[in-house]
Protein backbone atom coordinates (compact mmCIF):
# COMPACT_ATOMS: atom_id res chain seq x y z
CA MET A 1 -1.68 -97.47 41.34
CA ASN A 2 -1.40 -94.36 43.50
CA ARG A 3 1.38 -92.43 41.51
CA LEU A 4 1.52 -90.05 44.64
CA GLU A 5 1.92 -92.68 47.54
CA SER A 6 4.44 -94.77 45.32
CA MET A 7 6.63 -91.50 45.00
CA GLU A 8 5.97 -91.14 48.82
CA VAL A 9 7.16 -94.69 49.08
CA LEU A 10 10.13 -94.56 46.71
CA LEU A 11 11.49 -91.51 48.43
CA ALA A 12 11.10 -93.06 51.94
CA VAL A 13 13.11 -95.93 50.64
CA VAL A 14 15.83 -93.72 49.30
CA ASP A 15 15.95 -91.78 52.54
CA ALA A 16 16.02 -94.62 54.85
CA GLY A 17 18.39 -96.65 52.81
CA SER A 18 16.45 -99.96 52.61
CA LEU A 19 13.05 -101.64 52.04
CA SER A 20 12.62 -102.75 55.52
CA ALA A 21 13.76 -99.39 57.01
CA ALA A 22 11.09 -97.77 54.96
CA GLY A 23 8.46 -100.11 55.75
CA ARG A 24 9.27 -99.66 59.76
CA GLN A 25 9.10 -95.73 58.92
CA LEU A 26 5.90 -95.93 56.97
CA GLY A 27 4.12 -98.66 59.08
CA MET A 28 3.94 -100.69 55.75
CA PRO A 29 5.05 -104.70 55.24
CA ILE A 30 8.20 -104.84 53.16
CA ALA A 31 6.22 -106.70 50.78
CA THR A 32 4.30 -103.73 50.07
CA VAL A 33 6.81 -101.16 50.27
CA SER A 34 8.79 -103.70 47.57
CA ARG A 35 5.59 -104.05 45.20
CA LYS A 36 4.95 -100.52 45.27
CA VAL A 37 8.35 -99.34 44.18
CA SER A 38 8.15 -102.15 41.35
CA ASP A 39 4.62 -100.94 40.47
CA LEU A 40 6.07 -97.59 39.76
CA GLU A 41 9.30 -98.89 37.52
CA ALA A 42 6.78 -100.94 35.63
CA ALA A 43 4.70 -98.01 34.83
CA LEU A 44 7.64 -95.98 33.98
CA LYS A 45 9.43 -98.69 32.20
CA THR A 46 12.56 -98.38 33.59
CA ARG A 47 14.57 -99.39 36.53
CA LEU A 48 15.07 -96.92 39.35
CA LEU A 49 16.61 -99.05 41.97
CA ILE A 50 19.78 -101.70 42.06
CA ARG A 51 18.72 -103.59 44.56
CA SER A 52 21.27 -105.90 46.56
CA THR A 53 21.67 -107.98 49.78
CA ARG A 54 23.78 -105.01 51.36
CA GLN A 55 22.52 -101.57 49.74
CA LEU A 56 20.04 -99.88 47.33
CA THR A 57 21.57 -97.63 44.35
CA LEU A 58 19.77 -95.36 42.08
CA THR A 59 20.08 -95.72 38.73
CA ASP A 60 21.09 -92.80 36.55
CA SER A 61 16.96 -92.78 35.85
CA GLY A 62 16.19 -93.42 39.70
CA HIS A 63 18.35 -89.93 40.65
CA GLY A 64 16.57 -87.87 38.05
CA TYR A 65 13.05 -89.14 39.05
CA VAL A 66 13.38 -88.92 42.74
CA ALA A 67 14.45 -85.27 42.37
CA ALA A 68 11.31 -84.69 40.32
CA CYS A 69 9.59 -86.45 42.82
CA ARG A 70 10.43 -84.05 45.52
CA LYS A 71 9.76 -81.16 43.81
CA ILE A 72 6.37 -82.76 42.86
CA LEU A 73 5.85 -83.63 46.40
CA GLU A 74 6.39 -80.65 48.04
CA GLN A 75 4.14 -78.50 45.46
CA VAL A 76 1.24 -80.94 46.56
CA HIS A 77 2.09 -80.28 49.86
CA GLU A 78 2.08 -76.38 49.39
CA ALA A 79 -1.34 -77.01 47.95
CA GLU A 80 -2.59 -78.83 50.55
CA ARG A 81 -1.29 -76.55 52.86
CA ALA A 82 -2.91 -73.74 51.10
CA ALA A 83 -6.35 -75.00 51.02
CA ALA A 84 -6.42 -76.29 54.65
CA GLY A 85 -6.12 -72.34 55.26
CA GLU A 86 -2.29 -72.54 57.05
CA TYR A 87 -1.89 -69.27 54.85
CA SER A 88 -4.58 -67.43 56.28
CA ALA A 89 -4.58 -68.17 59.75
CA PRO A 90 -2.15 -70.17 62.06
CA ARG A 91 -3.62 -73.71 62.25
CA GLY A 92 -2.36 -77.38 61.62
CA GLU A 93 0.67 -79.13 63.31
CA LEU A 94 4.18 -77.96 63.73
CA VAL A 95 7.26 -80.37 64.38
CA VAL A 96 9.67 -78.93 66.45
CA THR A 97 13.29 -80.41 67.79
CA ALA A 98 15.81 -79.53 70.44
CA PRO A 99 18.34 -80.44 72.56
CA VAL A 100 16.81 -82.64 75.61
CA VAL A 101 17.75 -80.34 78.60
CA PHE A 102 17.20 -77.13 77.05
CA GLY A 103 14.08 -78.29 75.18
CA ARG A 104 13.15 -79.04 78.91
CA LEU A 105 13.91 -76.37 80.46
CA HIS A 106 13.39 -73.34 78.22
CA LEU A 107 11.83 -74.23 75.09
CA LEU A 108 8.98 -76.23 76.81
CA PRO A 109 7.47 -73.41 78.68
CA VAL A 110 7.65 -71.14 75.82
CA LEU A 111 5.93 -73.58 73.64
CA THR A 112 3.16 -73.91 76.37
CA GLU A 113 2.43 -70.59 76.25
CA PHE A 114 2.17 -70.56 73.01
CA LEU A 115 -0.29 -73.11 72.51
CA GLN A 116 -2.41 -71.55 75.04
CA ALA A 117 -2.22 -68.52 72.76
CA TYR A 118 -3.01 -70.21 69.72
CA PRO A 119 -5.91 -73.18 70.27
CA GLU A 120 -5.75 -74.28 66.58
CA VAL A 121 -1.90 -74.90 66.39
CA ALA A 122 -0.70 -78.35 67.51
CA VAL A 123 2.84 -78.86 68.07
CA ARG A 124 4.99 -82.29 68.24
CA LEU A 125 8.17 -81.44 70.21
CA ILE A 126 11.05 -83.69 69.43
CA LEU A 127 13.99 -83.88 72.47
CA GLY A 128 17.00 -85.32 71.53
CA ASP A 129 21.15 -84.35 70.83
CA ARG A 130 21.02 -85.95 67.70
CA ILE A 131 20.94 -83.32 64.38
CA VAL A 132 18.21 -84.26 62.54
CA ASN A 133 17.71 -83.42 58.64
CA LEU A 134 14.88 -80.67 58.78
CA LEU A 135 13.82 -81.82 55.17
CA GLU A 136 14.28 -85.09 55.10
CA ASP A 137 12.76 -85.75 58.89
CA HIS A 138 9.83 -83.13 58.12
CA VAL A 139 10.84 -81.08 60.81
CA ASP A 140 9.42 -77.41 60.88
CA LEU A 141 11.73 -75.72 63.62
CA ALA A 142 14.90 -76.59 65.32
CA LEU A 143 16.90 -75.17 68.15
CA ARG A 144 20.68 -75.58 67.53
CA ILE A 145 23.35 -75.06 69.92
CA GLY A 146 26.77 -74.47 68.47
CA ALA A 147 28.12 -73.11 65.21
CA LEU A 148 25.82 -73.65 62.26
CA PRO A 149 27.34 -75.26 59.08
CA ASP A 150 26.64 -73.44 55.44
CA SER A 151 23.21 -74.60 54.26
CA GLY A 152 20.06 -73.26 52.45
CA LEU A 153 18.56 -72.85 55.96
CA ILE A 154 17.09 -69.78 57.82
CA ALA A 155 18.77 -69.14 61.41
CA THR A 156 17.70 -66.99 63.97
CA GLN A 157 20.30 -66.26 66.85
CA LEU A 158 18.65 -66.19 70.34
CA GLY A 159 21.85 -65.49 72.39
CA SER A 160 24.52 -67.94 73.59
CA VAL A 161 25.61 -70.30 76.33
CA ARG A 162 28.70 -71.17 77.91
CA ARG A 163 31.23 -74.44 78.27
CA VAL A 164 32.03 -74.43 81.93
CA VAL A 165 33.70 -76.87 84.38
CA CYS A 166 32.46 -77.56 87.73
CA ALA A 167 32.51 -79.70 90.83
CA SER A 168 31.01 -80.02 94.08
CA PRO A 169 32.43 -77.96 96.87
CA GLU A 170 32.78 -80.91 99.21
CA TYR A 171 34.60 -82.12 96.56
CA LEU A 172 36.81 -79.21 95.82
CA SER A 173 37.31 -78.96 99.76
CA LYS A 174 38.78 -82.36 99.66
CA LYS A 175 40.99 -82.38 96.45
CA GLY A 176 41.60 -78.41 95.89
CA THR A 177 40.57 -76.20 93.33
CA PRO A 178 42.44 -76.60 90.24
CA GLN A 179 43.91 -72.86 88.80
CA ARG A 180 45.01 -73.86 85.46
CA VAL A 181 43.56 -76.40 83.02
CA GLN A 182 46.81 -78.61 83.16
CA GLU A 183 46.11 -79.48 86.95
CA LEU A 184 42.84 -81.30 85.99
CA ALA A 185 44.91 -84.18 85.14
CA GLY A 186 45.34 -84.59 88.89
CA HIS A 187 41.72 -85.00 89.45
CA ASP A 188 38.86 -87.15 89.14
CA CYS A 189 36.73 -86.22 86.16
CA VAL A 190 33.13 -87.37 85.12
CA SER A 191 33.04 -86.98 81.00
CA PHE A 192 30.02 -86.09 79.23
CA ASP A 193 30.42 -87.69 75.90
CA LEU A 194 28.53 -85.12 73.92
CA LEU A 195 30.94 -82.33 75.36
CA ALA A 196 34.24 -83.41 76.76
CA SER A 197 34.49 -86.78 75.73
CA GLY A 198 37.35 -89.54 76.32
CA ASP A 199 40.54 -88.92 78.60
CA THR A 200 41.27 -85.69 76.98
CA TRP A 201 39.44 -82.48 77.10
CA ARG A 202 40.24 -79.29 75.45
CA PHE A 203 40.54 -75.78 76.05
CA PRO A 204 41.93 -72.48 74.28
CA GLU A 205 44.88 -70.92 75.54
CA GLU A 206 46.77 -68.18 74.26
CA ARG A 207 45.08 -68.58 70.64
CA VAL A 208 46.13 -72.32 70.33
CA GLU A 209 44.00 -75.25 71.69
CA VAL A 210 45.46 -77.26 74.54
CA ALA A 211 44.85 -80.96 75.19
CA VAL A 212 44.44 -81.67 78.88
CA PRO A 213 44.70 -85.45 79.84
CA VAL A 214 42.04 -86.48 82.34
CA HIS A 215 41.26 -89.25 84.74
CA PRO A 216 37.51 -90.17 83.60
CA ARG A 217 36.17 -91.86 86.77
CA LEU A 218 32.73 -92.10 84.93
CA ALA A 219 31.63 -91.24 81.22
CA VAL A 220 28.02 -90.53 80.88
CA SER A 221 25.96 -89.98 77.92
CA THR A 222 23.51 -87.31 79.48
CA ALA A 223 24.36 -83.87 80.93
CA GLU A 224 21.61 -84.84 83.62
CA ALA A 225 23.71 -87.77 84.75
CA ALA A 226 27.02 -85.89 84.67
CA ILE A 227 25.45 -82.84 86.55
CA ASP A 228 24.51 -85.73 89.59
CA ALA A 229 27.51 -87.52 89.73
CA ALA A 230 29.43 -84.18 90.10
CA VAL A 231 26.84 -83.13 92.75
CA SER A 232 27.53 -86.28 94.88
CA GLY A 233 30.92 -85.27 94.87
CA LEU A 234 32.35 -88.19 92.20
CA GLY A 235 34.43 -85.14 90.15
CA VAL A 236 34.93 -82.51 87.81
CA THR A 237 32.49 -82.42 84.84
CA CYS A 238 32.28 -80.02 82.16
CA VAL A 239 28.94 -79.16 80.85
CA LEU A 240 26.96 -75.95 79.17
CA SER A 241 25.88 -73.22 81.42
CA TYR A 242 22.22 -73.70 81.32
CA GLN A 243 22.60 -77.17 82.34
CA VAL A 244 24.13 -76.11 85.68
CA GLU A 245 22.59 -73.30 86.55
CA SER A 246 20.19 -74.42 89.10
CA ALA A 247 22.95 -76.51 90.74
CA VAL A 248 25.36 -73.49 90.82
CA ARG A 249 22.59 -71.19 92.39
CA ALA A 250 21.51 -73.86 94.88
CA GLY A 251 25.22 -74.00 95.84
CA GLU A 252 25.33 -77.93 95.25
CA LEU A 253 28.40 -77.15 92.27
CA LYS A 254 30.76 -74.56 91.99
CA LEU A 255 32.37 -72.99 88.57
CA ILE A 256 35.87 -73.28 88.15
CA LEU A 257 38.58 -72.28 85.25
CA GLU A 258 36.35 -69.84 84.29
CA SER A 259 38.96 -67.60 82.79
CA PHE A 260 39.98 -70.57 80.49
CA GLU A 261 36.33 -71.20 79.03
CA PRO A 262 36.26 -71.26 75.28
CA ALA A 263 33.97 -68.93 73.34
CA PRO A 264 30.54 -68.92 73.90
CA LEU A 265 28.29 -71.19 71.77
CA PRO A 266 25.46 -69.56 69.74
CA VAL A 267 21.91 -70.73 70.40
CA SER A 268 19.71 -70.21 67.12
CA LEU A 269 16.29 -71.27 65.80
CA LEU A 270 16.65 -72.88 62.27
CA TYR A 271 14.05 -73.65 59.69
CA ALA A 272 13.79 -74.36 55.65
CA SER A 273 12.63 -71.43 53.71
CA GLN A 274 10.40 -73.06 50.85
CA GLY A 275 7.89 -70.86 49.35
CA ARG A 276 5.54 -68.96 51.82
CA LEU A 277 5.96 -69.48 55.36
CA PRO A 278 3.05 -71.16 57.21
CA LEU A 279 1.49 -68.80 59.51
CA LYS A 280 1.61 -71.27 62.10
CA LEU A 281 5.40 -71.24 61.78
CA ARG A 282 5.62 -67.42 61.82
CA ALA A 283 3.24 -67.09 64.24
CA LEU A 284 5.74 -69.36 66.57
CA LEU A 285 8.73 -67.74 65.62
CA ASP A 286 7.61 -64.26 66.52
CA PHE A 287 6.16 -65.77 69.87
CA ALA A 288 9.19 -67.77 70.77
CA THR A 289 12.16 -65.89 69.82
CA PRO A 290 11.63 -62.76 72.22
CA ARG A 291 10.80 -65.01 75.00
CA LEU A 292 13.85 -67.45 74.43
CA ARG A 293 16.26 -64.52 74.15
CA ALA A 294 14.96 -63.28 77.64
CA ARG A 295 15.36 -66.85 79.13
CA LEU A 296 18.77 -67.00 77.85
CA GLN A 297 19.74 -63.61 79.33
CA LYS A 298 17.94 -64.31 82.54
CA SER A 299 19.83 -67.47 82.54
CA ALA A 300 23.17 -66.13 81.96
CA ALA A 301 22.66 -63.23 84.48
CA ALA A 302 21.48 -65.60 87.48
CA LEU A 303 24.62 -68.00 86.68
CA ALA A 304 27.09 -64.81 86.60
CA SER A 305 25.75 -63.69 90.03
CA SER A 306 25.99 -67.34 91.47
CA SER A 307 29.53 -67.49 90.53
CA ARG A 308 32.48 -65.85 91.86
CA THR A 309 35.18 -65.25 88.63
CA ARG A 310 38.51 -65.76 89.70
CA PRO A 311 41.22 -63.92 88.24
CA ARG A 312 43.54 -65.75 86.05
CA PRO A 313 46.92 -66.45 87.65
CA ASP A 314 50.13 -65.01 85.99
């Protein structure tokens, strides 16, 4: 029995929550996954998992053993990284994750420059709006938008983005421009599920949060779809400032209700600190941080120059 491989399989089963899910993740038949876990239990002469038709549960012995496996495998991986020279020169693969639109507009150009500067480094970029667990999903670096929960992860703030409300000039000329958030109740809206979902949008007003009922003519799951619908004149939408910058600069959309915007959302790079930082990750942090900060500043300035802030009505 390959003890280390069996440990890897056990951790995959625990993290995935089932033998079948672990098998799909590992590209391994479920029978092989089950056998490796059973062989490990036989070698240890103890039961690690309680298996039922609905779920897997760790035994008391399993909890302790899984925690030890994580430490052992991390030490093995650390030794492999050192032996491969990851601490002597930037080389190897980095796994990076970011929100879809921000990743495409801002992170991808920076990564392209980085890869040209560091030919021995490869990057696997995962674009998605789902929050991933850096340790469980083996992610080296994550770009996050929004407040960060307390954790053992290291964060580097790059800047901030705004949550903005906008509509096409044609729509506003027909339906009028709302001066207060409460007026949104009389407008057609395009709802973006990850930011302003359902039939209620929330805004800060005089230190309290105001819930504004809206009429969503269309509900979508991506910012691009919400922006396209708003550009076509379907209604008002709520997205993040960088997502709508080009449409505002082109005159396709107009920002409204700017005086009622909530506090800007921080944009951060997030990574786990476990022992020495591989040079490939340190190189990426040093390369990407100033460039992403500059891109955020330029984006904010371009949006501000393209829009006219309206005074808040008395």
